[in-house]
N, C-alpha and C. Protein backbone atom coordinates (compact mmCIF):
# COMPACT_ATOMS: atom_id res chain seq x y z
N MET A 1 0.87 -1.16 -0.01
CA MET A 1 0.00 0.12 0.03
C MET A 1 0.91 1.34 -0.06
N SER A 2 0.78 2.13 -0.93
CA SER A 2 1.47 3.32 -1.16
C SER A 2 0.57 4.58 -0.87
N THR A 3 1.20 5.48 -0.48
CA THR A 3 0.41 6.60 -0.02
C THR A 3 0.27 7.56 -1.28
N ASP A 4 -0.82 8.25 -1.63
CA ASP A 4 -0.80 9.19 -2.78
C ASP A 4 -0.51 10.40 -2.45
N TRP A 5 0.63 10.70 -2.19
CA TRP A 5 1.17 12.01 -1.91
C TRP A 5 0.86 12.98 -3.05
N ALA A 6 0.63 13.02 -4.20
CA ALA A 6 0.32 13.69 -5.03
C ALA A 6 -1.33 14.21 -4.92
N GLY A 7 -2.18 13.11 -4.66
CA GLY A 7 -3.37 13.42 -4.60
C GLY A 7 -3.59 14.34 -3.19
N TYR A 8 -2.98 13.97 -2.05
CA TYR A 8 -3.19 14.70 -0.70
C TYR A 8 -2.70 16.23 -0.93
N GLY A 9 -1.34 16.27 -1.92
CA GLY A 9 -0.96 17.58 -2.08
C GLY A 9 -2.03 18.44 -3.07
N TYR A 10 -2.79 17.90 -4.05
CA TYR A 10 -3.79 18.47 -4.63
C TYR A 10 -4.97 18.81 -3.82
N ALA A 11 -5.32 17.91 -3.07
CA ALA A 11 -6.32 18.25 -2.12
C ALA A 11 -5.92 19.49 -1.32
N ALA A 12 -4.93 19.59 -0.61
CA ALA A 12 -4.25 20.66 0.10
C ALA A 12 -4.34 21.92 -0.67
N LEU A 13 -3.98 21.80 -1.95
CA LEU A 13 -3.95 23.07 -2.75
C LEU A 13 -5.45 23.53 -3.02
N VAL A 14 -6.32 22.71 -3.26
CA VAL A 14 -7.73 23.13 -3.58
C VAL A 14 -8.32 23.73 -2.43
N ALA A 15 -8.05 23.17 -1.19
CA ALA A 15 -8.92 23.56 0.05
C ALA A 15 -8.12 25.12 0.33
N SER A 16 -6.76 24.95 0.38
CA SER A 16 -6.23 26.38 0.70
C SER A 16 -6.68 27.40 -0.42
N GLY A 17 -6.75 27.08 -1.65
CA GLY A 17 -7.25 28.16 -2.57
C GLY A 17 -8.55 28.57 -2.23
N GLY A 18 -9.51 27.94 -1.71
CA GLY A 18 -10.62 28.30 -1.16
C GLY A 18 -10.62 29.29 0.07
N VAL A 19 -9.93 28.86 0.94
CA VAL A 19 -9.62 29.72 2.17
C VAL A 19 -8.94 30.85 1.67
N PHE A 20 -7.95 30.94 1.03
CA PHE A 20 -7.30 32.13 0.33
C PHE A 20 -8.31 33.07 -0.41
N GLY A 21 -9.19 32.48 -1.12
CA GLY A 21 -10.39 33.38 -1.49
C GLY A 21 -11.07 33.99 -0.65
N TYR A 22 -11.39 33.50 0.26
CA TYR A 22 -12.29 33.96 1.57
C TYR A 22 -11.57 34.95 2.21
N VAL A 23 -10.26 34.73 2.61
CA VAL A 23 -9.53 35.74 3.33
C VAL A 23 -9.34 36.97 2.44
N LYS A 24 -8.90 36.93 1.17
CA LYS A 24 -8.67 38.05 0.40
C LYS A 24 -9.63 38.86 -0.05
N ALA A 25 -10.93 38.00 -0.43
CA ALA A 25 -12.07 38.73 -1.09
C ALA A 25 -13.20 38.50 -0.10
N GLY A 26 -13.26 37.81 0.85
CA GLY A 26 -14.47 37.74 1.69
C GLY A 26 -15.57 36.80 0.86
N SER A 27 -15.06 35.91 0.04
CA SER A 27 -15.86 35.07 -0.84
C SER A 27 -16.31 33.91 -0.06
N VAL A 28 -17.39 33.90 0.35
CA VAL A 28 -17.99 32.46 1.08
C VAL A 28 -18.25 31.46 0.00
N PRO A 29 -18.49 31.74 -1.32
CA PRO A 29 -18.63 30.64 -2.11
C PRO A 29 -17.28 29.90 -2.55
N SER A 30 -16.43 30.97 -2.50
CA SER A 30 -14.97 30.18 -2.83
C SER A 30 -14.42 29.28 -1.54
N LEU A 31 -14.81 29.93 -0.42
CA LEU A 31 -14.41 28.98 0.76
C LEU A 31 -15.30 27.69 0.70
N ALA A 32 -16.50 27.69 0.50
CA ALA A 32 -17.36 26.53 0.42
C ALA A 32 -16.85 25.52 -0.71
N ALA A 33 -16.56 25.85 -1.80
CA ALA A 33 -16.37 25.10 -2.99
C ALA A 33 -14.73 24.59 -2.77
N GLY A 34 -13.90 25.64 -2.40
CA GLY A 34 -12.49 25.12 -2.00
C GLY A 34 -12.55 23.90 -0.83
N LEU A 35 -13.32 24.07 -0.02
CA LEU A 35 -13.48 23.08 1.12
C LEU A 35 -13.94 21.93 0.80
N LEU A 36 -15.16 22.05 0.08
CA LEU A 36 -15.86 20.85 -0.58
C LEU A 36 -15.07 19.98 -1.69
N PHE A 37 -14.49 20.65 -2.58
CA PHE A 37 -13.54 19.88 -3.63
C PHE A 37 -12.53 19.64 -2.82
N GLY A 38 -11.79 20.29 -1.96
CA GLY A 38 -10.54 19.75 -1.36
C GLY A 38 -10.85 18.51 -0.50
N SER A 39 -11.92 18.54 0.13
CA SER A 39 -12.40 17.37 1.07
C SER A 39 -12.61 16.06 0.14
N LEU A 40 -13.15 16.32 -1.02
CA LEU A 40 -13.52 15.30 -2.11
C LEU A 40 -12.14 14.66 -2.57
N ALA A 41 -11.36 15.62 -2.89
CA ALA A 41 -9.93 15.24 -3.51
C ALA A 41 -9.17 14.56 -2.33
N GLY A 42 -9.28 15.04 -1.02
CA GLY A 42 -8.40 14.19 0.08
C GLY A 42 -9.12 12.78 0.11
N VAL A 43 -10.55 12.70 0.18
CA VAL A 43 -11.14 11.40 0.43
C VAL A 43 -10.53 10.46 -0.77
N GLY A 44 -10.65 10.96 -2.06
CA GLY A 44 -10.15 10.33 -3.18
C GLY A 44 -8.63 9.88 -3.24
N ALA A 45 -7.93 10.56 -2.70
CA ALA A 45 -6.48 10.28 -2.37
C ALA A 45 -6.41 9.12 -1.18
N TYR A 46 -7.15 9.11 -0.30
CA TYR A 46 -7.16 8.20 0.67
C TYR A 46 -7.56 6.95 0.06
N GLN A 47 -8.73 6.81 -0.72
CA GLN A 47 -9.35 5.72 -1.35
C GLN A 47 -7.96 5.06 -2.37
N MET A 48 -7.21 6.11 -3.13
CA MET A 48 -6.24 5.55 -3.90
C MET A 48 -4.98 4.88 -3.19
N SER A 49 -5.02 5.49 -1.82
CA SER A 49 -3.75 5.06 -1.08
C SER A 49 -4.05 3.65 -0.45
N CYS A 50 -5.52 3.24 -0.30
CA CYS A 50 -5.66 1.86 0.12
C CYS A 50 -5.76 1.05 -1.00
N ASP A 51 -6.37 1.49 -1.93
CA ASP A 51 -6.43 0.66 -3.39
C ASP A 51 -6.26 1.60 -4.49
N PRO A 52 -5.02 1.33 -5.18
CA PRO A 52 -4.61 2.02 -6.26
C PRO A 52 -5.57 2.13 -7.49
N GLY A 53 -6.27 1.20 -7.41
CA GLY A 53 -7.34 1.05 -8.59
C GLY A 53 -8.56 1.77 -8.40
N ASN A 54 -8.66 2.44 -7.29
CA ASN A 54 -10.04 2.96 -6.81
C ASN A 54 -9.63 4.59 -7.18
N ILE A 55 -9.85 4.96 -8.48
CA ILE A 55 -9.59 6.39 -8.81
C ILE A 55 -10.67 7.16 -8.99
N TRP A 56 -12.10 6.52 -8.99
CA TRP A 56 -13.13 7.20 -9.70
C TRP A 56 -13.39 8.70 -8.97
N LEU A 57 -13.39 8.73 -7.82
CA LEU A 57 -13.66 9.77 -6.91
C LEU A 57 -12.55 10.98 -7.24
N SER A 58 -11.37 10.56 -7.34
CA SER A 58 -10.26 11.44 -7.55
C SER A 58 -10.44 11.81 -9.11
N LEU A 59 -10.84 11.16 -9.86
CA LEU A 59 -10.91 11.45 -11.39
C LEU A 59 -12.09 12.51 -11.64
N ALA A 60 -13.20 12.09 -10.82
CA ALA A 60 -14.49 13.02 -10.90
C ALA A 60 -14.39 14.40 -10.47
N THR A 61 -13.42 14.54 -9.30
CA THR A 61 -13.18 15.61 -8.70
C THR A 61 -12.24 16.36 -9.57
N SER A 62 -11.13 16.15 -9.91
CA SER A 62 -10.30 16.78 -10.84
C SER A 62 -10.90 16.91 -12.16
N GLY A 63 -11.57 16.17 -12.65
CA GLY A 63 -12.30 16.50 -13.96
C GLY A 63 -13.29 17.53 -14.03
N THR A 64 -13.91 17.50 -12.95
CA THR A 64 -15.10 18.76 -12.66
C THR A 64 -14.32 20.12 -12.55
N LEU A 65 -13.30 19.88 -11.60
CA LEU A 65 -12.67 21.29 -11.42
C LEU A 65 -11.94 21.93 -12.60
N SER A 66 -11.30 20.92 -13.61
CA SER A 66 -10.75 21.29 -14.50
C SER A 66 -11.52 21.93 -15.47
N GLY A 67 -12.99 21.36 -15.70
CA GLY A 67 -13.83 22.11 -16.46
C GLY A 67 -14.54 23.56 -16.02
N ILE A 68 -14.64 23.48 -14.73
CA ILE A 68 -15.10 24.77 -14.21
C ILE A 68 -14.25 25.92 -13.95
N MET A 69 -12.90 25.44 -13.64
CA MET A 69 -11.91 26.49 -13.61
C MET A 69 -11.28 26.84 -14.81
N GLY A 70 -11.41 25.75 -15.64
CA GLY A 70 -10.94 26.27 -17.20
C GLY A 70 -11.62 27.15 -17.83
N THR A 71 -13.09 27.10 -17.70
CA THR A 71 -14.14 27.87 -18.30
C THR A 71 -13.92 29.37 -17.53
N ARG A 72 -13.63 29.39 -16.20
CA ARG A 72 -13.46 30.85 -15.77
C ARG A 72 -12.18 31.33 -16.28
N PHE A 73 -11.13 30.41 -16.26
CA PHE A 73 -9.83 31.09 -16.94
C PHE A 73 -10.17 31.54 -18.24
N LEU A 74 -10.70 30.93 -19.28
CA LEU A 74 -10.96 31.37 -20.45
C LEU A 74 -11.75 32.70 -20.43
N LYS A 75 -12.76 32.72 -19.51
CA LYS A 75 -13.64 34.08 -19.63
C LYS A 75 -12.83 35.25 -18.94
N SER A 76 -11.92 35.12 -17.94
CA SER A 76 -11.27 36.17 -17.17
C SER A 76 -9.89 36.29 -17.68
N ARG A 77 -9.12 35.33 -18.27
CA ARG A 77 -7.71 35.34 -18.75
C ARG A 77 -6.91 35.71 -17.55
N LYS A 78 -7.29 35.30 -16.25
CA LYS A 78 -6.51 35.67 -15.09
C LYS A 78 -5.94 34.25 -14.63
N PHE A 79 -4.81 34.27 -14.56
CA PHE A 79 -3.95 32.82 -14.13
C PHE A 79 -4.28 32.41 -12.67
N MET A 80 -4.51 33.29 -11.98
CA MET A 80 -4.78 33.19 -10.41
C MET A 80 -6.23 33.61 -10.02
N PRO A 81 -6.99 32.73 -9.33
CA PRO A 81 -6.76 31.44 -9.05
C PRO A 81 -7.09 30.33 -10.18
N ALA A 82 -7.86 30.81 -11.24
CA ALA A 82 -8.55 29.91 -12.20
C ALA A 82 -7.79 29.17 -13.13
N GLY A 83 -6.48 29.63 -13.44
CA GLY A 83 -5.61 29.23 -14.35
C GLY A 83 -4.76 28.14 -13.74
N LEU A 84 -4.32 28.57 -12.37
CA LEU A 84 -3.73 27.70 -11.64
C LEU A 84 -4.43 26.16 -11.42
N ILE A 85 -5.60 26.42 -10.68
CA ILE A 85 -6.23 25.24 -10.52
C ILE A 85 -6.57 24.57 -11.74
N ALA A 86 -7.12 25.07 -12.76
CA ALA A 86 -7.46 24.46 -13.87
C ALA A 86 -6.18 23.50 -14.50
N GLY A 87 -5.01 24.05 -14.46
CA GLY A 87 -3.80 23.47 -14.85
C GLY A 87 -3.35 22.25 -14.18
N VAL A 88 -3.40 22.60 -12.66
CA VAL A 88 -3.28 21.46 -11.79
C VAL A 88 -4.22 20.32 -11.83
N SER A 89 -5.61 20.57 -12.10
CA SER A 89 -6.44 19.77 -12.33
C SER A 89 -6.37 18.67 -13.51
N LEU A 90 -6.08 19.44 -14.68
CA LEU A 90 -5.75 18.74 -15.91
C LEU A 90 -4.59 17.91 -15.62
N LEU A 91 -3.53 18.26 -14.94
CA LEU A 91 -2.50 17.34 -14.65
C LEU A 91 -2.98 16.10 -13.98
N MET A 92 -3.87 16.49 -13.03
CA MET A 92 -4.26 15.16 -12.11
C MET A 92 -5.27 14.39 -13.07
N VAL A 93 -6.03 15.01 -13.91
CA VAL A 93 -6.76 14.12 -14.82
C VAL A 93 -5.86 13.22 -15.64
N GLY A 94 -4.68 13.77 -16.17
CA GLY A 94 -3.86 13.12 -16.98
C GLY A 94 -2.99 11.77 -16.17
N ARG A 95 -2.77 12.30 -14.83
CA ARG A 95 -2.15 11.25 -14.13
C ARG A 95 -3.09 10.22 -13.66
N LEU A 96 -4.10 10.39 -13.50
CA LEU A 96 -5.33 9.41 -13.26
C LEU A 96 -5.66 8.62 -14.49
N GLY A 97 -5.73 9.21 -15.57
CA GLY A 97 -5.86 8.58 -16.89
C GLY A 97 -4.71 7.56 -17.19
N VAL A 98 -3.72 7.82 -16.87
CA VAL A 98 -2.45 6.80 -16.98
C VAL A 98 -2.55 5.71 -15.90
N ALA A 99 -3.05 6.13 -14.74
CA ALA A 99 -3.38 5.17 -13.83
C ALA A 99 -4.40 4.11 -14.24
N LEU A 100 -5.49 4.62 -14.67
CA LEU A 100 -6.49 3.78 -15.24
C LEU A 100 -6.20 2.87 -16.26
N LEU A 101 -5.36 3.35 -17.18
CA LEU A 101 -4.98 2.58 -18.40
C LEU A 101 -3.94 1.42 -17.82
N GLN A 102 -2.96 1.92 -16.90
CA GLN A 102 -2.29 0.72 -16.34
C GLN A 102 -3.05 -0.33 -15.51
N ASN A 103 -4.04 0.08 -14.73
CA ASN A 103 -4.82 -1.00 -14.17
C ASN A 103 -5.56 -1.70 -15.04
N ARG A 104 -5.99 -1.24 -16.23
CA ARG A 104 -6.64 -2.08 -17.24
C ARG A 104 -5.80 -3.16 -17.81
N ASP A 105 -4.63 -2.79 -18.11
CA ASP A 105 -3.64 -3.50 -18.65
C ASP A 105 -3.06 -4.70 -17.61
N GLY A 106 -3.21 -4.32 -16.44
CA GLY A 106 -2.70 -5.42 -15.28
C GLY A 106 -1.30 -5.17 -14.85
N SER A 107 -0.80 -4.30 -15.54
CA SER A 107 0.49 -3.74 -15.19
C SER A 107 0.61 -2.55 -14.17
N GLN A 108 1.58 -2.57 -13.41
CA GLN A 108 1.67 -1.46 -12.43
C GLN A 108 3.16 -1.03 -12.21
């Protein structure tokens, strides 16, 4: 059993982004979304740590965030925070996609 450090780091980044949005702009929706998606990503990282083939929650969370934040980035053209979260979320989707393909092939 190996720990999914990248998943936990991603979860911490998402949650801290929500907290930062609240502290900087007083945005309660940013706080709520950051904590919700950060928690989901953390649970997904825990699931992957227990069973590397259990990627579905992590994949759904990072896929949803890449879509939402990618759209925000395209509208605003501001890297922080939308571009950063969209980029990191896309990296997580790619990482999880590779893990999914490796699990299907039976190789790890």
